Amino acid sequence: MERLQKVIANSGFCSRRKAENLIVEGKVKVNDEIVTKLGTTVDENAIIEVDGKQINFEEKVYYILNKPRNCVSTVKDDRGRPTVMDYIRNVDKRVYPIGRLDFDTTGVLLFTNDGDLTNKLTHPKNEIDKVYIASVAGKVDENRLETLRNGINIEDYKTSKASVDFLKYNSKQNRSIISLKIHEGKNRQIKKMFEAIGYEVIKLNRESFGGIVANGLKEGQFRKLTIDEIKKLKDL
């Protein structure tokens, strides 16, 4: 038996919080009866309707994509741009990305139909680590990196402290390679952090999300997560 709002969230229909609101609003039926009590539990044989649409218990699946540049991290795009779903082929479940990467950012992007895990991995309070490698124009001053380590004001908020390492400087290209570990994920955050200390990010790649890495995957390739990787994420 599972709580009704958890089943709805796990189906990918919406978040658990949204599911709770729908239940309270009387928009959820179980076995053709309206249910408004949040503590309601259901078994796998229950017929559940949300706003007139039937949902079911569904096998949970988990994938990792090495996201290429120039595609959006959404299921659909109203501007007709390529999306990450163009690379998730021959998957018989309806999956969606966990969080987002910017249009021109590459690297680790996870997919699932597990709404409960998605909420845990994306909720700010859980502080899930994300590691990025940034190629930055110019030779970055170590003192300015210290500003990022201590948190920096960008637009209307101050970032949390970041783990930042200067990896190398390429004199021919005049670029610095910097590793950053953060647990936030606001829009264009890494790029804005460097802009705030006077540098431009030329390329950005997410090396890991919650400790999951894309080793062996070329850009645009994806695979199922291993049992150990799934356990690792759930244990976070």
C-alpha atoms as a PDB file:
ATOM      1  CA  MET A   1       0.000   0.000   0.000  1.00  0.00           C
ATOM      2  CA  GLU A   2       1.212   3.495  -0.872  1.00  0.00           C
ATOM      3  CA  ARG A   3      -0.036   6.962   0.019  1.00  0.00           C
ATOM      4  CA  LEU A   4      -2.222   8.319  -2.751  1.00  0.00           C
ATOM      5  CA  GLN A   5      -0.230  11.512  -3.274  1.00  0.00           C
ATOM      6  CA  LYS A   6       2.990   9.498  -3.563  1.00  0.00           C
ATOM      7  CA  VAL A   7       1.474   7.238  -6.228  1.00  0.00           C
ATOM      8  CA  ILE A   8       0.332  10.270  -8.233  1.00  0.00           C
ATOM      9  CA  ALA A   9       3.784  11.890  -7.964  1.00  0.00           C
ATOM     10  CA  ASN A  10       5.580   8.665  -8.855  1.00  0.00           C
ATOM     11  CA  SER A  11       3.449   8.350 -11.982  1.00  0.00           C
ATOM     12  CA  GLY A  12       5.034  11.566 -13.212  1.00  0.00           C
ATOM     13  CA  PHE A  13       1.675  13.349 -13.381  1.00  0.00           C
ATOM     14  CA  CYS A  14       2.832  16.128 -11.053  1.00  0.00           C
ATOM     15  CA  SER A  15       4.829  16.817  -7.911  1.00  0.00           C
ATOM     16  CA  ARG A  16       3.745  15.367  -4.563  1.00  0.00           C
ATOM     17  CA  ARG A  17       2.819  18.815  -3.269  1.00  0.00           C
ATOM     18  CA  LYS A  18       0.667  19.453  -6.316  1.00  0.00           C
ATOM     19  CA  ALA A  19      -0.903  16.002  -5.882  1.00  0.00           C
ATOM     20  CA  GLU A  20      -1.810  16.881  -2.297  1.00  0.00           C
ATOM     21  CA  ASN A  21      -3.495  20.076  -3.484  1.00  0.00           C
ATOM     22  CA  LEU A  22      -5.462  18.166  -6.125  1.00  0.00           C
ATOM     23  CA  ILE A  23      -6.648  15.664  -3.524  1.00  0.00           C
ATOM     24  CA  VAL A  24      -7.804  18.378  -1.122  1.00  0.00           C
ATOM     25  CA  GLU A  25      -9.551  20.144  -4.012  1.00  0.00           C
ATOM     26  CA  GLY A  26     -11.574  17.003  -4.730  1.00  0.00           C
ATOM     27  CA  LYS A  27     -10.045  16.398  -8.141  1.00  0.00           C
ATOM     28  CA  VAL A  28      -8.860  12.847  -7.453  1.00  0.00           C
ATOM     29  CA  LYS A  29     -10.944   9.688  -7.672  1.00  0.00           C
ATOM     30  CA  VAL A  30     -10.005   6.226  -6.431  1.00  0.00           C
ATOM     31  CA  ASN A  31     -12.149   3.401  -7.774  1.00  0.00           C
ATOM     32  CA  ASP A  32     -14.648   6.017  -9.023  1.00  0.00           C
ATOM     33  CA  GLU A  33     -14.993   7.728  -5.632  1.00  0.00           C
ATOM     34  CA  ILE A  34     -13.688  11.215  -4.866  1.00  0.00           C
ATOM     35  CA  VAL A  35     -10.978  11.172  -2.202  1.00  0.00           C
ATOM     36  CA  THR A  36     -10.027  14.293  -0.228  1.00  0.00           C
ATOM     37  CA  LYS A  37      -8.116  12.759   2.703  1.00  0.00           C
ATOM     38  CA  LEU A  38      -4.322  13.064   2.387  1.00  0.00           C
ATOM     39  CA  GLY A  39      -3.632   9.957   4.467  1.00  0.00           C
ATOM     40  CA  THR A  40      -5.442   7.686   2.019  1.00  0.00           C
ATOM     41  CA  THR A  41      -3.458   4.642   0.906  1.00  0.00           C
ATOM     42  CA  VAL A  42      -4.034   2.597  -2.239  1.00  0.00           C
ATOM     43  CA  ASP A  43      -2.849  -0.736  -3.585  1.00  0.00           C
ATOM     44  CA  GLU A  44      -1.592  -1.579  -7.056  1.00  0.00           C
ATOM     45  CA  ASN A  45      -5.065  -2.606  -8.223  1.00  0.00           C
ATOM     46  CA  ALA A  46      -6.616   0.788  -7.516  1.00  0.00           C
ATOM     47  CA  ILE A  47      -8.035   2.784 -10.417  1.00  0.00           C
ATOM     48  CA  ILE A  48      -6.904   6.380  -9.917  1.00  0.00           C
ATOM     49  CA  GLU A  49      -8.181   9.376 -11.875  1.00  0.00           C
ATOM     50  CA  VAL A  50      -6.751  12.883 -11.591  1.00  0.00           C
ATOM     51  CA  ASP A  51      -8.722  15.641 -13.281  1.00  0.00           C
ATOM     52  CA  GLY A  52     -10.446  12.953 -15.344  1.00  0.00           C
ATOM     53  CA  LYS A  53      -7.185  11.299 -16.470  1.00  0.00           C
ATOM     54  CA  GLN A  54      -6.432   7.767 -15.325  1.00  0.00           C
ATOM     55  CA  ILE A  55      -2.999   7.006 -13.899  1.00  0.00           C
ATOM     56  CA  ASN A  56      -1.507   3.719 -12.771  1.00  0.00           C
ATOM     57  CA  PHE A  57       1.233   2.255 -10.667  1.00  0.00           C
ATOM     58  CA  GLU A  58       4.232   2.220 -12.942  1.00  0.00           C
ATOM     59  CA  GLU A  59       7.612   0.511 -12.953  1.00  0.00           C
ATOM     60  CA  LYS A  60      10.240   3.083 -12.072  1.00  0.00           C
ATOM     61  CA  VAL A  61      13.075   3.600 -14.561  1.00  0.00           C
ATOM     62  CA  TYR A  62      16.237   5.685 -14.335  1.00  0.00           C
ATOM     63  CA  TYR A  63      18.575   6.948 -17.065  1.00  0.00           C
ATOM     64  CA  ILE A  64      21.597   9.172 -17.506  1.00  0.00           C
ATOM     65  CA  LEU A  65      22.239  11.297 -20.603  1.00  0.00           C
ATOM     66  CA  ASN A  66      25.473  13.019 -21.497  1.00  0.00           C
ATOM     67  CA  LYS A  67      23.644  16.132 -22.657  1.00  0.00           C
ATOM     68  CA  PRO A  68      25.019  17.773 -25.811  1.00  0.00           C
ATOM     69  CA  ARG A  69      25.113  21.511 -26.444  1.00  0.00           C
ATOM     70  CA  ASN A  70      22.260  23.461 -28.001  1.00  0.00           C
ATOM     71  CA  CYS A  71      19.187  21.679 -26.680  1.00  0.00           C
ATOM     72  CA  VAL A  72      16.782  22.588 -23.896  1.00  0.00           C
ATOM     73  CA  SER A  73      16.230  20.430 -20.822  1.00  0.00           C
ATOM     74  CA  THR A  74      12.468  20.193 -21.180  1.00  0.00           C
ATOM     75  CA  VAL A  75      10.083  17.590 -22.540  1.00  0.00           C
ATOM     76  CA  LYS A  76       8.674  20.055 -25.093  1.00  0.00           C
ATOM     77  CA  ASP A  77       9.681  23.498 -26.332  1.00  0.00           C
ATOM     78  CA  ASP A  78       7.135  26.029 -27.557  1.00  0.00           C
ATOM     79  CA  ARG A  79       9.838  27.725 -29.650  1.00  0.00           C
ATOM     80  CA  GLY A  80      10.593  24.579 -31.630  1.00  0.00           C
ATOM     81  CA  ARG A  81      14.140  24.135 -30.331  1.00  0.00           C
ATOM     82  CA  PRO A  82      15.719  20.686 -29.945  1.00  0.00           C
ATOM     83  CA  THR A  83      15.071  19.150 -26.525  1.00  0.00           C
ATOM     84  CA  VAL A  84      16.888  16.519 -24.496  1.00  0.00           C
ATOM     85  CA  MET A  85      13.998  14.147 -25.231  1.00  0.00           C
ATOM     86  CA  ASP A  86      15.269  13.933 -28.823  1.00  0.00           C
ATOM     87  CA  TYR A  87      18.124  11.812 -27.427  1.00  0.00           C
ATOM     88  CA  ILE A  88      16.087   9.513 -25.156  1.00  0.00           C
ATOM     89  CA  ARG A  89      14.976   7.009 -27.779  1.00  0.00           C
ATOM     90  CA  ASN A  90      13.219   3.622 -27.591  1.00  0.00           C
ATOM     91  CA  VAL A  91      12.194   4.075 -23.961  1.00  0.00           C
ATOM     92  CA  ASP A  92       8.751   2.577 -23.337  1.00  0.00           C
ATOM     93  CA  LYS A  93       8.053   4.682 -20.223  1.00  0.00           C
ATOM     94  CA  ARG A  94       7.220   8.368 -20.069  1.00  0.00           C
ATOM     95  CA  VAL A  95      10.318   9.887 -18.468  1.00  0.00           C
ATOM     96  CA  TYR A  96      11.386  13.454 -17.820  1.00  0.00           C
ATOM     97  CA  PRO A  97      14.640  15.190 -16.816  1.00  0.00           C
ATOM     98  CA  ILE A  98      15.549  15.688 -13.158  1.00  0.00           C
ATOM     99  CA  GLY A  99      16.315  19.392 -13.048  1.00  0.00           C
ATOM    100  CA  ARG A 100      17.802  21.289 -15.967  1.00  0.00           C
ATOM    101  CA  LEU A 101      20.999  22.263 -17.711  1.00  0.00           C
ATOM    102  CA  ASP A 102      21.354  25.454 -19.736  1.00  0.00           C
ATOM    103  CA  PHE A 103      20.899  25.346 -23.521  1.00  0.00           C
ATOM    104  CA  ASP A 104      24.648  25.355 -24.232  1.00  0.00           C
ATOM    105  CA  THR A 105      25.787  23.401 -21.145  1.00  0.00           C
ATOM    106  CA  THR A 106      26.798  19.762 -21.555  1.00  0.00           C
ATOM    107  CA  GLY A 107      27.102  16.816 -19.210  1.00  0.00           C
ATOM    108  CA  VAL A 108      25.200  14.723 -16.713  1.00  0.00           C
ATOM    109  CA  LEU A 109      21.416  14.916 -16.873  1.00  0.00           C
ATOM    110  CA  LEU A 110      19.267  12.275 -15.160  1.00  0.00           C
ATOM    111  CA  PHE A 111      15.841  11.063 -16.290  1.00  0.00           C
ATOM    112  CA  THR A 112      13.144   9.097 -14.507  1.00  0.00           C
ATOM    113  CA  ASN A 113       9.428   8.594 -13.979  1.00  0.00           C
ATOM    114  CA  ASP A 114       9.968   8.504 -10.193  1.00  0.00           C
ATOM    115  CA  GLY A 115       8.355  11.668  -8.915  1.00  0.00           C
ATOM    116  CA  ASP A 116       9.299  11.000  -5.305  1.00  0.00           C
ATOM    117  CA  LEU A 117      13.020  10.714  -6.089  1.00  0.00           C
ATOM    118  CA  THR A 118      12.832  13.741  -8.383  1.00  0.00           C
ATOM    119  CA  ASN A 119      11.440  15.854  -5.553  1.00  0.00           C
ATOM    120  CA  LYS A 120      14.186  14.700  -3.186  1.00  0.00           C
ATOM    121  CA  LEU A 121      16.976  15.400  -5.674  1.00  0.00           C
ATOM    122  CA  THR A 122      15.717  18.836  -6.683  1.00  0.00           C
ATOM    123  CA  HIS A 123      14.516  20.232  -3.331  1.00  0.00           C
ATOM    124  CA  PRO A 124      16.994  22.903  -2.158  1.00  0.00           C
ATOM    125  CA  LYS A 125      16.937  21.700   1.459  1.00  0.00           C
ATOM    126  CA  ASN A 126      18.605  18.401   0.476  1.00  0.00           C
ATOM    127  CA  GLU A 127      21.683  20.183  -0.942  1.00  0.00           C
ATOM    128  CA  ILE A 128      22.548  17.595  -3.599  1.00  0.00           C
ATOM    129  CA  ASP A 129      26.093  18.162  -4.897  1.00  0.00           C
ATOM    130  CA  LYS A 130      26.699  19.004  -8.543  1.00  0.00           C
ATOM    131  CA  VAL A 131      30.211  19.206 -10.002  1.00  0.00           C
ATOM    132  CA  TYR A 132      30.990  21.364 -13.044  1.00  0.00           C
ATOM    133  CA  ILE A 133      34.076  21.939 -15.176  1.00  0.00           C
ATOM    134  CA  ALA A 134      34.194  25.473 -16.575  1.00  0.00           C
ATOM    135  CA  SER A 135      36.430  26.716 -19.392  1.00  0.00           C
ATOM    136  CA  VAL A 136      36.881  30.404 -18.650  1.00  0.00           C
ATOM    137  CA  ALA A 137      38.337  33.159 -20.858  1.00  0.00           C
ATOM    138  CA  GLY A 138      41.645  34.491 -19.527  1.00  0.00           C
ATOM    139  CA  LYS A 139      43.821  33.508 -16.593  1.00  0.00           C
ATOM    140  CA  VAL A 140      41.626  33.526 -13.529  1.00  0.00           C
ATOM    141  CA  ASP A 141      43.027  35.240 -10.442  1.00  0.00           C
ATOM    142  CA  GLU A 142      43.092  32.882  -7.452  1.00  0.00           C
ATOM    143  CA  ASN A 143      41.983  35.695  -5.160  1.00  0.00           C
ATOM    144  CA  ARG A 144      38.807  36.127  -7.187  1.00  0.00           C
ATOM    145  CA  LEU A 145      38.073  32.410  -6.905  1.00  0.00           C
ATOM    146  CA  GLU A 146      38.151  32.855  -3.157  1.00  0.00           C
ATOM    147  CA  THR A 147      35.145  35.135  -3.541  1.00  0.00           C
ATOM    148  CA  LEU A 148      33.216  32.241  -5.103  1.00  0.00           C
ATOM    149  CA  ARG A 149      34.272  29.943  -2.275  1.00  0.00           C
ATOM    150  CA  ASN A 150      32.762  32.315   0.263  1.00  0.00           C
ATOM    151  CA  GLY A 151      29.542  32.954  -1.639  1.00  0.00           C
ATOM    152  CA  ILE A 152      28.857  35.865  -3.974  1.00  0.00           C
ATOM    153  CA  ASN A 153      25.935  38.166  -4.693  1.00  0.00           C
ATOM    154  CA  ILE A 154      24.445  37.644  -8.140  1.00  0.00           C
ATOM    155  CA  GLU A 155      21.285  39.512  -9.046  1.00  0.00           C
ATOM    156  CA  ASP A 156      18.847  39.145  -6.133  1.00  0.00           C
ATOM    157  CA  TYR A 157      20.512  36.410  -4.092  1.00  0.00           C
ATOM    158  CA  LYS A 158      23.799  35.310  -2.582  1.00  0.00           C
ATOM    159  CA  THR A 159      25.174  31.919  -3.559  1.00  0.00           C
ATOM    160  CA  SER A 160      26.148  29.351  -0.955  1.00  0.00           C
ATOM    161  CA  LYS A 161      29.803  28.586  -0.399  1.00  0.00           C
ATOM    162  CA  ALA A 162      31.264  26.639  -3.324  1.00  0.00           C
ATOM    163  CA  SER A 163      34.153  24.213  -3.571  1.00  0.00           C
ATOM    164  CA  VAL A 164      36.383  25.704  -6.306  1.00  0.00           C
ATOM    165  CA  ASP A 165      39.664  24.368  -7.717  1.00  0.00           C
ATOM    166  CA  PHE A 166      41.904  25.942 -10.357  1.00  0.00           C
ATOM    167  CA  LEU A 167      42.888  22.977 -12.564  1.00  0.00           C
ATOM    168  CA  LYS A 168      45.070  24.488 -15.288  1.00  0.00           C
ATOM    169  CA  TYR A 169      45.709  27.395 -17.622  1.00  0.00           C
ATOM    170  CA  ASN A 170      45.987  26.972 -21.414  1.00  0.00           C
ATOM    171  CA  SER A 171      48.209  29.803 -22.629  1.00  0.00           C
ATOM    172  CA  LYS A 172      47.566  29.070 -26.338  1.00  0.00           C
ATOM    173  CA  GLN A 173      43.818  29.417 -25.929  1.00  0.00           C
ATOM    174  CA  ASN A 174      44.113  31.874 -23.050  1.00  0.00           C
ATOM    175  CA  ARG A 175      41.630  29.878 -20.997  1.00  0.00           C
ATOM    176  CA  SER A 176      41.482  28.673 -17.412  1.00  0.00           C
ATOM    177  CA  ILE A 177      39.922  25.335 -16.477  1.00  0.00           C
ATOM    178  CA  ILE A 178      38.075  25.502 -13.162  1.00  0.00           C
ATOM    179  CA  SER A 179      36.238  22.817 -11.174  1.00  0.00           C
ATOM    180  CA  LEU A 180      33.270  23.871  -9.048  1.00  0.00           C
ATOM    181  CA  LYS A 181      31.066  21.902  -6.690  1.00  0.00           C
ATOM    182  CA  ILE A 182      27.777  23.502  -5.698  1.00  0.00           C
ATOM    183  CA  HIS A 183      24.441  22.243  -4.412  1.00  0.00           C
ATOM    184  CA  GLU A 184      22.291  24.988  -5.892  1.00  0.00           C
ATOM    185  CA  GLY A 185      21.021  25.025  -9.448  1.00  0.00           C
ATOM    186  CA  LYS A 186      19.603  28.395 -10.335  1.00  0.00           C
ATOM    187  CA  ASN A 187      19.321  29.565 -13.935  1.00  0.00           C
ATOM    188  CA  ARG A 188      22.789  30.225 -15.457  1.00  0.00           C
ATOM    189  CA  GLN A 189      24.249  30.256 -11.954  1.00  0.00           C
ATOM    190  CA  ILE A 190      27.835  29.217 -12.784  1.00  0.00           C
ATOM    191  CA  LYS A 191      28.054  31.718 -15.632  1.00  0.00           C
ATOM    192  CA  LYS A 192      26.657  34.489 -13.465  1.00  0.00           C
ATOM    193  CA  MET A 193      29.125  33.655 -10.691  1.00  0.00           C
ATOM    194  CA  PHE A 194      32.061  34.106 -13.054  1.00  0.00           C
ATOM    195  CA  GLU A 195      30.544  37.222 -14.600  1.00  0.00           C
ATOM    196  CA  ALA A 196      30.352  38.678 -11.098  1.00  0.00           C
ATOM    197  CA  ILE A 197      34.139  38.342 -10.700  1.00  0.00           C
ATOM    198  CA  GLY A 198      34.897  39.604 -14.203  1.00  0.00           C
ATOM    199  CA  TYR A 199      35.240  36.466 -16.344  1.00  0.00           C
ATOM    200  CA  GLU A 200      33.320  34.822 -19.177  1.00  0.00           C
ATOM    201  CA  VAL A 201      32.517  31.099 -19.222  1.00  0.00           C
ATOM    202  CA  ILE A 202      33.216  29.748 -22.714  1.00  0.00           C
ATOM    203  CA  LYS A 203      32.227  26.139 -22.080  1.00  0.00           C
ATOM    204  CA  LEU A 204      30.501  24.446 -19.163  1.00  0.00           C
ATOM    205  CA  ASN A 205      30.136  20.740 -18.478  1.00  0.00           C
ATOM    206  CA  ARG A 206      28.410  19.069 -15.531  1.00  0.00           C
ATOM    207  CA  GLU A 207      30.673  16.240 -14.470  1.00  0.00           C
ATOM    208  CA  SER A 208      28.385  14.711 -11.853  1.00  0.00           C
ATOM    209  CA  PHE A 209      25.007  14.986 -10.180  1.00  0.00           C
ATOM    210  CA  GLY A 210      24.669  13.410  -6.756  1.00  0.00           C
ATOM    211  CA  GLY A 211      27.862  11.465  -7.438  1.00  0.00           C
ATOM    212  CA  ILE A 212      26.574   9.989 -10.732  1.00  0.00           C
ATOM    213  CA  VAL A 213      28.985  10.488 -13.648  1.00  0.00           C
ATOM    214  CA  ALA A 214      28.737   9.988 -17.415  1.00  0.00           C
ATOM    215  CA  ASN A 215      31.961   8.001 -17.823  1.00  0.00           C
ATOM    216  CA  GLY A 216      32.011   6.202 -21.186  1.00  0.00           C
ATOM    217  CA  LEU A 217      29.079   8.130 -22.643  1.00  0.00           C
ATOM    218  CA  LYS A 218      29.691  10.389 -25.611  1.00  0.00           C
ATOM    219  CA  GLU A 219      27.646  13.562 -25.901  1.00  0.00           C
ATOM    220  CA  GLY A 220      24.113  12.618 -26.912  1.00  0.00           C
ATOM    221  CA  GLN A 221      24.378   9.054 -25.594  1.00  0.00           C
ATOM    222  CA  PHE A 222      22.351   7.692 -22.686  1.00  0.00           C
ATOM    223  CA  ARG A 223      22.046   4.502 -20.652  1.00  0.00           C
ATOM    224  CA  LYS A 224      20.124   3.026 -17.746  1.00  0.00           C
ATOM    225  CA  LEU A 225      21.471   3.666 -14.288  1.00  0.00           C
ATOM    226  CA  THR A 226      22.893   0.628 -12.520  1.00  0.00           C
ATOM    227  CA  ILE A 227      21.291  -0.771  -9.386  1.00  0.00           C
ATOM    228  CA  ASP A 228      24.177   0.633  -7.342  1.00  0.00           C
ATOM    229  CA  GLU A 229      23.726   4.098  -8.884  1.00  0.00           C
ATOM    230  CA  ILE A 230      19.989   4.087  -8.156  1.00  0.00           C
ATOM    231  CA  LYS A 231      20.652   3.059  -4.555  1.00  0.00           C
ATOM    232  CA  LYS A 232      23.266   5.793  -4.257  1.00  0.00           C
ATOM    233  CA  LEU A 233      20.742   8.433  -5.308  1.00  0.00           C
ATOM    234  CA  LYS A 234      18.018   7.117  -3.016  1.00  0.00           C
ATOM    235  CA  ASP A 235      20.447   7.011  -0.089  1.00  0.00           C
ATOM    236  CA  LEU A 236      21.221  10.715  -0.552  1.00  0.00           C
END
